[in-house]
Amino acid sequence: MTRSRKKVPITGITTADSDKAFKKREHRRERSAVRDALATGWEPPHPKGFGDPWDGDKDGKRYVTGGQATVLRK
């Protein structure tokens, strides 16, 4: 993979490895809320209310300008 390069310079804002743990927590919280709503007969919550990427570990992504060689290296 010596010559492998990213095609688009978009990276996570922080240095977290991945959003996997955040996504697991949020999906579990959503499933719990839906399960509770179904048990009580209430309206299930909207799915967009859970897992906002700006609250996650990586805090979203951004387009990086300048220093392209270091950003595009895998």
PDB file of N, CA and C in Angstrom:
ATOM      1  N   MET A   1       0.818  -1.189   0.000  1.00  0.00           N
ATOM      2  CA  MET A   1       0.000   0.000   0.000  1.00  0.00           C
ATOM      3  C   MET A   1       0.865   1.258   0.000  1.00  0.00           C
ATOM      4  N   THR A   2       2.005   1.171  -0.533  1.00  0.00           N
ATOM      5  CA  THR A   2       2.892   2.313  -0.545  1.00  0.00           C
ATOM      6  C   THR A   2       2.329   3.464  -1.361  1.00  0.00           C
ATOM      7  N   ARG A   3       1.651   3.146  -2.428  1.00  0.00           N
ATOM      8  CA  ARG A   3       1.149   4.205  -3.306  1.00  0.00           C
ATOM      9  C   ARG A   3      -0.324   4.515  -3.061  1.00  0.00           C
ATOM     10  N   SER A   4      -0.895   3.949  -2.032  1.00  0.00           N
ATOM     11  CA  SER A   4      -2.305   4.181  -1.776  1.00  0.00           C
ATOM     12  C   SER A   4      -2.511   5.565  -1.168  1.00  0.00           C
ATOM     13  N   ARG A   5      -3.451   6.301  -1.692  1.00  0.00           N
ATOM     14  CA  ARG A   5      -3.738   7.661  -1.249  1.00  0.00           C
ATOM     15  C   ARG A   5      -5.243   7.855  -1.123  1.00  0.00           C
ATOM     16  N   LYS A   6      -5.649   8.721  -0.196  1.00  0.00           N
ATOM     17  CA  LYS A   6      -7.045   9.114  -0.112  1.00  0.00           C
ATOM     18  C   LYS A   6      -7.347  10.030  -1.290  1.00  0.00           C
ATOM     19  N   LYS A   7      -8.541   9.973  -1.800  1.00  0.00           N
ATOM     20  CA  LYS A   7      -8.901  10.785  -2.953  1.00  0.00           C
ATOM     21  C   LYS A   7      -9.408  12.166  -2.541  1.00  0.00           C
ATOM     22  N   VAL A   8     -10.063  12.259  -1.379  1.00  0.00           N
ATOM     23  CA  VAL A   8     -10.656  13.511  -0.929  1.00  0.00           C
ATOM     24  C   VAL A   8     -10.095  13.850   0.451  1.00  0.00           C
ATOM     25  N   PRO A   9      -9.598  15.065   0.657  1.00  0.00           N
ATOM     26  CA  PRO A   9      -9.011  15.430   1.944  1.00  0.00           C
ATOM     27  C   PRO A   9     -10.064  15.781   3.003  1.00  0.00           C
ATOM     28  N   ILE A  10     -10.878  14.806   3.400  1.00  0.00           N
ATOM     29  CA  ILE A  10     -11.865  15.011   4.453  1.00  0.00           C
ATOM     30  C   ILE A  10     -11.442  14.135   5.632  1.00  0.00           C
ATOM     31  N   THR A  11     -11.289  14.754   6.807  1.00  0.00           N
ATOM     32  CA  THR A  11     -10.855  14.013   7.988  1.00  0.00           C
ATOM     33  C   THR A  11     -11.739  14.351   9.176  1.00  0.00           C
ATOM     34  N   GLY A  12     -11.653  13.529  10.212  1.00  0.00           N
ATOM     35  CA  GLY A  12     -12.353  13.809  11.452  1.00  0.00           C
ATOM     36  C   GLY A  12     -11.716  15.000  12.152  1.00  0.00           C
ATOM     37  N   ILE A  13     -12.497  15.735  12.920  1.00  0.00           N
ATOM     38  CA  ILE A  13     -11.989  16.947  13.548  1.00  0.00           C
ATOM     39  C   ILE A  13     -11.055  16.608  14.712  1.00  0.00           C
ATOM     40  N   THR A  14     -11.342  15.576  15.494  1.00  0.00           N
ATOM     41  CA  THR A  14     -10.451  15.207  16.592  1.00  0.00           C
ATOM     42  C   THR A  14      -9.639  13.978  16.205  1.00  0.00           C
ATOM     43  N   THR A  15      -8.854  13.496  17.120  1.00  0.00           N
ATOM     44  CA  THR A  15      -7.988  12.363  16.819  1.00  0.00           C
ATOM     45  C   THR A  15      -8.579  11.029  17.263  1.00  0.00           C
ATOM     46  N   ALA A  16      -9.875  10.964  17.511  1.00  0.00           N
ATOM     47  CA  ALA A  16     -10.511   9.696  17.887  1.00  0.00           C
ATOM     48  C   ALA A  16     -10.393   8.719  16.727  1.00  0.00           C
ATOM     49  N   ASP A  17     -10.199   7.449  17.027  1.00  0.00           N
ATOM     50  CA  ASP A  17     -10.027   6.453  15.975  1.00  0.00           C
ATOM     51  C   ASP A  17     -11.302   6.241  15.173  1.00  0.00           C
ATOM     52  N   SER A  18     -12.433   6.111  15.870  1.00  0.00           N
ATOM     53  CA  SER A  18     -13.682   5.888  15.157  1.00  0.00           C
ATOM     54  C   SER A  18     -14.862   6.352  15.998  1.00  0.00           C
ATOM     55  N   ASP A  19     -16.026   6.341  15.381  1.00  0.00           N
ATOM     56  CA  ASP A  19     -17.269   6.696  16.062  1.00  0.00           C
ATOM     57  C   ASP A  19     -18.025   5.459  16.516  1.00  0.00           C
ATOM     58  N   LYS A  20     -17.419   4.301  16.466  1.00  0.00           N
ATOM     59  CA  LYS A  20     -18.130   3.059  16.733  1.00  0.00           C
ATOM     60  C   LYS A  20     -18.749   3.024  18.126  1.00  0.00           C
ATOM     61  N   ALA A  21     -17.991   3.375  19.157  1.00  0.00           N
ATOM     62  CA  ALA A  21     -18.520   3.329  20.525  1.00  0.00           C
ATOM     63  C   ALA A  21     -19.673   4.314  20.692  1.00  0.00           C
ATOM     64  N   PHE A  22     -19.542   5.510  20.123  1.00  0.00           N
ATOM     65  CA  PHE A  22     -20.607   6.510  20.187  1.00  0.00           C
ATOM     66  C   PHE A  22     -21.859   6.004  19.493  1.00  0.00           C
ATOM     67  N   LYS A  23     -21.703   5.413  18.313  1.00  0.00           N
ATOM     68  CA  LYS A  23     -22.854   4.912  17.575  1.00  0.00           C
ATOM     69  C   LYS A  23     -23.541   3.764  18.319  1.00  0.00           C
ATOM     70  N   LYS A  24     -22.754   2.893  18.943  1.00  0.00           N
ATOM     71  CA  LYS A  24     -23.346   1.800  19.722  1.00  0.00           C
ATOM     72  C   LYS A  24     -24.176   2.342  20.881  1.00  0.00           C
ATOM     73  N   ARG A  25     -23.635   3.351  21.590  1.00  0.00           N
ATOM     74  CA  ARG A  25     -24.370   3.946  22.715  1.00  0.00           C
ATOM     75  C   ARG A  25     -25.667   4.590  22.249  1.00  0.00           C
ATOM     76  N   GLU A  26     -25.604   5.344  21.154  1.00  0.00           N
ATOM     77  CA  GLU A  26     -26.781   6.046  20.678  1.00  0.00           C
ATOM     78  C   GLU A  26     -27.849   5.104  20.126  1.00  0.00           C
ATOM     79  N   HIS A  27     -27.440   4.059  19.404  1.00  0.00           N
ATOM     80  CA  HIS A  27     -28.421   3.102  18.881  1.00  0.00           C
ATOM     81  C   HIS A  27     -29.075   2.333  20.021  1.00  0.00           C
ATOM     82  N   ARG A  28     -28.302   2.024  21.044  1.00  0.00           N
ATOM     83  CA  ARG A  28     -28.872   1.346  22.212  1.00  0.00           C
ATOM     84  C   ARG A  28     -29.879   2.261  22.906  1.00  0.00           C
ATOM     85  N   ARG A  29     -29.549   3.549  23.030  1.00  0.00           N
ATOM     86  CA  ARG A  29     -30.456   4.507  23.652  1.00  0.00           C
ATOM     87  C   ARG A  29     -31.734   4.668  22.826  1.00  0.00           C
ATOM     88  N   GLU A  30     -31.599   4.670  21.489  1.00  0.00           N
ATOM     89  CA  GLU A  30     -32.771   4.783  20.621  1.00  0.00           C
ATOM     90  C   GLU A  30     -33.667   3.550  20.740  1.00  0.00           C
ATOM     91  N   ARG A  31     -33.047   2.373  20.696  1.00  0.00           N
ATOM     92  CA  ARG A  31     -33.839   1.141  20.806  1.00  0.00           C
ATOM     93  C   ARG A  31     -34.577   1.078  22.141  1.00  0.00           C
ATOM     94  N   SER A  32     -33.929   1.522  23.204  1.00  0.00           N
ATOM     95  CA  SER A  32     -34.555   1.529  24.517  1.00  0.00           C
ATOM     96  C   SER A  32     -35.750   2.483  24.541  1.00  0.00           C
ATOM     97  N   ALA A  33     -35.606   3.667  23.946  1.00  0.00           N
ATOM     98  CA  ALA A  33     -36.697   4.639  23.921  1.00  0.00           C
ATOM     99  C   ALA A  33     -37.871   4.120  23.089  1.00  0.00           C
ATOM    100  N   VAL A  34     -37.579   3.473  21.970  1.00  0.00           N
ATOM    101  CA  VAL A  34     -38.652   2.912  21.131  1.00  0.00           C
ATOM    102  C   VAL A  34     -39.346   1.776  21.867  1.00  0.00           C
ATOM    103  N   ARG A  35     -38.573   0.934  22.525  1.00  0.00           N
ATOM    104  CA  ARG A  35     -39.154  -0.177  23.286  1.00  0.00           C
ATOM    105  C   ARG A  35     -40.071   0.352  24.392  1.00  0.00           C
ATOM    106  N   ASP A  36     -39.644   1.385  25.106  1.00  0.00           N
ATOM    107  CA  ASP A  36     -40.464   1.979  26.163  1.00  0.00           C
ATOM    108  C   ASP A  36     -41.726   2.617  25.599  1.00  0.00           C
ATOM    109  N   ALA A  37     -41.608   3.291  24.461  1.00  0.00           N
ATOM    110  CA  ALA A  37     -42.769   3.931  23.841  1.00  0.00           C
ATOM    111  C   ALA A  37     -43.788   2.881  23.391  1.00  0.00           C
ATOM    112  N   LEU A  38     -43.321   1.783  22.850  1.00  0.00           N
ATOM    113  CA  LEU A  38     -44.244   0.731  22.414  1.00  0.00           C
ATOM    114  C   LEU A  38     -44.926   0.061  23.602  1.00  0.00           C
ATOM    115  N   ALA A  39     -44.214  -0.084  24.708  1.00  0.00           N
ATOM    116  CA  ALA A  39     -44.786  -0.723  25.896  1.00  0.00           C
ATOM    117  C   ALA A  39     -45.846   0.156  26.547  1.00  0.00           C
ATOM    118  N   THR A  40     -45.656   1.472  26.491  1.00  0.00           N
ATOM    119  CA  THR A  40     -46.612   2.377  27.130  1.00  0.00           C
ATOM    120  C   THR A  40     -47.690   2.864  26.173  1.00  0.00           C
ATOM    121  N   GLY A  41     -47.552   2.612  24.881  1.00  0.00           N
ATOM    122  CA  GLY A  41     -48.550   3.031  23.902  1.00  0.00           C
ATOM    123  C   GLY A  41     -48.348   4.450  23.402  1.00  0.00           C
ATOM    124  N   TRP A  42     -47.242   5.068  23.725  1.00  0.00           N
ATOM    125  CA  TRP A  42     -46.950   6.420  23.267  1.00  0.00           C
ATOM    126  C   TRP A  42     -46.364   6.377  21.864  1.00  0.00           C
ATOM    127  N   GLU A  43     -46.253   7.548  21.287  1.00  0.00           N
ATOM    128  CA  GLU A  43     -45.661   7.672  19.949  1.00  0.00           C
ATOM    129  C   GLU A  43     -44.143   7.460  20.047  1.00  0.00           C
ATOM    130  N   PRO A  44     -43.559   6.604  19.199  1.00  0.00           N
ATOM    131  CA  PRO A  44     -42.099   6.411  19.241  1.00  0.00           C
ATOM    132  C   PRO A  44     -41.364   7.703  18.873  1.00  0.00           C
ATOM    133  N   PRO A  45     -40.206   7.953  19.452  1.00  0.00           N
ATOM    134  CA  PRO A  45     -39.457   9.178  19.146  1.00  0.00           C
ATOM    135  C   PRO A  45     -38.910   9.153  17.725  1.00  0.00           C
ATOM    136  N   HIS A  46     -38.654  10.330  17.208  1.00  0.00           N
ATOM    137  CA  HIS A  46     -38.101  10.445  15.858  1.00  0.00           C
ATOM    138  C   HIS A  46     -36.642   9.971  15.868  1.00  0.00           C
ATOM    139  N   PRO A  47     -36.217   9.167  14.872  1.00  0.00           N
ATOM    140  CA  PRO A  47     -34.849   8.641  14.854  1.00  0.00           C
ATOM    141  C   PRO A  47     -33.764   9.711  14.785  1.00  0.00           C
ATOM    142  N   LYS A  48     -34.090  10.888  14.244  1.00  0.00           N
ATOM    143  CA  LYS A  48     -33.080  11.943  14.136  1.00  0.00           C
ATOM    144  C   LYS A  48     -32.739  12.555  15.495  1.00  0.00           C
ATOM    145  N   GLY A  49     -33.493  12.216  16.525  1.00  0.00           N
ATOM    146  CA  GLY A  49     -33.230  12.748  17.848  1.00  0.00           C
ATOM    147  C   GLY A  49     -32.063  12.063  18.539  1.00  0.00           C
ATOM    148  N   PHE A  50     -31.528  11.029  17.936  1.00  0.00           N
ATOM    149  CA  PHE A  50     -30.438  10.261  18.524  1.00  0.00           C
ATOM    150  C   PHE A  50     -29.241  10.267  17.585  1.00  0.00           C
ATOM    151  N   GLY A  51     -28.053  10.255  18.148  1.00  0.00           N
ATOM    152  CA  GLY A  51     -26.840  10.071  17.360  1.00  0.00           C
ATOM    153  C   GLY A  51     -26.413  11.260  16.532  1.00  0.00           C
ATOM    154  N   ASP A  52     -26.541  12.455  17.058  1.00  0.00           N
ATOM    155  CA  ASP A  52     -26.083  13.640  16.344  1.00  0.00           C
ATOM    156  C   ASP A  52     -24.564  13.570  16.176  1.00  0.00           C
ATOM    157  N   PRO A  53     -24.045  13.572  14.946  1.00  0.00           N
ATOM    158  CA  PRO A  53     -22.602  13.423  14.744  1.00  0.00           C
ATOM    159  C   PRO A  53     -21.769  14.537  15.367  1.00  0.00           C
ATOM    160  N   TRP A  54     -22.353  15.704  15.616  1.00  0.00           N
ATOM    161  CA  TRP A  54     -21.599  16.803  16.222  1.00  0.00           C
ATOM    162  C   TRP A  54     -21.409  16.585  17.721  1.00  0.00           C
ATOM    163  N   ASP A  55     -22.155  15.639  18.307  1.00  0.00           N
ATOM    164  CA  ASP A  55     -21.964  15.302  19.715  1.00  0.00           C
ATOM    165  C   ASP A  55     -21.081  14.072  19.878  1.00  0.00           C
ATOM    166  N   GLY A  56     -20.664  13.472  18.780  1.00  0.00           N
ATOM    167  CA  GLY A  56     -19.897  12.230  18.823  1.00  0.00           C
ATOM    168  C   GLY A  56     -18.441  12.423  19.189  1.00  0.00           C
ATOM    169  N   ASP A  57     -17.725  11.318  19.246  1.00  0.00           N
ATOM    170  CA  ASP A  57     -16.320  11.344  19.620  1.00  0.00           C
ATOM    171  C   ASP A  57     -15.466  12.074  18.586  1.00  0.00           C
ATOM    172  N   LYS A  58     -15.777  11.890  17.310  1.00  0.00           N
ATOM    173  CA  LYS A  58     -14.986  12.550  16.271  1.00  0.00           C
ATOM    174  C   LYS A  58     -15.499  13.945  15.967  1.00  0.00           C
ATOM    175  N   ASP A  59     -16.683  14.266  16.469  1.00  0.00           N
ATOM    176  CA  ASP A  59     -17.212  15.615  16.340  1.00  0.00           C
ATOM    177  C   ASP A  59     -17.401  16.017  14.885  1.00  0.00           C
ATOM    178  N   GLY A  60     -17.792  15.097  14.036  1.00  0.00           N
ATOM    179  CA  GLY A  60     -18.039  15.415  12.642  1.00  0.00           C
ATOM    180  C   GLY A  60     -16.782  15.346  11.790  1.00  0.00           C
ATOM    181  N   LYS A  61     -16.901  15.830  10.570  1.00  0.00           N
ATOM    182  CA  LYS A  61     -15.773  15.814   9.643  1.00  0.00           C
ATOM    183  C   LYS A  61     -15.631  17.178   9.011  1.00  0.00           C
ATOM    184  N   ARG A  62     -14.489  17.405   8.403  1.00  0.00           N
ATOM    185  CA  ARG A  62     -14.273  18.673   7.727  1.00  0.00           C
ATOM    186  C   ARG A  62     -13.376  18.470   6.524  1.00  0.00           C
ATOM    187  N   TYR A  63     -13.440  19.415   5.619  1.00  0.00           N
ATOM    188  CA  TYR A  63     -12.607  19.437   4.431  1.00  0.00           C
ATOM    189  C   TYR A  63     -11.331  20.182   4.790  1.00  0.00           C
ATOM    190  N   VAL A  64     -10.180  19.564   4.581  1.00  0.00           N
ATOM    191  CA  VAL A  64      -8.905  20.143   4.986  1.00  0.00           C
ATOM    192  C   VAL A  64      -8.218  20.768   3.780  1.00  0.00           C
ATOM    193  N   THR A  65      -7.773  21.997   3.948  1.00  0.00           N
ATOM    194  CA  THR A  65      -7.030  22.667   2.888  1.00  0.00           C
ATOM    195  C   THR A  65      -5.603  22.916   3.368  1.00  0.00           C
ATOM    196  N   GLY A  66      -4.670  22.939   2.458  1.00  0.00           N
ATOM    197  CA  GLY A  66      -3.276  23.170   2.814  1.00  0.00           C
ATOM    198  C   GLY A  66      -2.625  21.907   3.346  1.00  0.00           C
ATOM    199  N   GLY A  67      -1.371  21.685   3.047  1.00  0.00           N
ATOM    200  CA  GLY A  67      -0.671  20.488   3.518  1.00  0.00           C
ATOM    201  C   GLY A  67      -1.294  19.202   2.980  1.00  0.00           C
ATOM    202  N   GLN A  68      -1.652  19.207   1.726  1.00  0.00           N
ATOM    203  CA  GLN A  68      -2.384  18.089   1.135  1.00  0.00           C
ATOM    204  C   GLN A  68      -1.634  16.758   1.220  1.00  0.00           C
ATOM    205  N   ALA A  69      -0.329  16.775   1.134  1.00  0.00           N
ATOM    206  CA  ALA A  69       0.435  15.524   1.118  1.00  0.00           C
ATOM    207  C   ALA A  69       0.256  14.750   2.419  1.00  0.00           C
ATOM    208  N   THR A  70       0.281  15.427   3.537  1.00  0.00           N
ATOM    209  CA  THR A  70       0.131  14.727   4.812  1.00  0.00           C
ATOM    210  C   THR A  70      -1.293  14.281   5.055  1.00  0.00           C
ATOM    211  N   VAL A  71      -2.256  15.036   4.567  1.00  0.00           N
ATOM    212  CA  VAL A  71      -3.665  14.683   4.773  1.00  0.00           C
ATOM    213  C   VAL A  71      -4.065  13.499   3.905  1.00  0.00           C
ATOM    214  N   LEU A  72      -3.540  13.431   2.713  1.00  0.00           N
ATOM    215  CA  LEU A  72      -3.918  12.366   1.789  1.00  0.00           C
ATOM    216  C   LEU A  72      -3.170  11.059   2.019  1.00  0.00           C
ATOM    217  N   ARG A  73      -2.175  11.056   2.867  1.00  0.00           N
ATOM    218  CA  ARG A  73      -1.434   9.822   3.147  1.00  0.00           C
ATOM    219  C   ARG A  73      -2.253   8.930   4.044  1.00  0.00           C
ATOM    220  N   LYS A  74      -2.282   7.631   3.755  1.00  0.00           N
ATOM    221  CA  LYS A  74      -3.043   6.680   4.583  1.00  0.00           C
ATOM    222  C   LYS A  74      -2.173   6.102   5.668  1.00  0.00           C
TER     223      LYS A  74
END
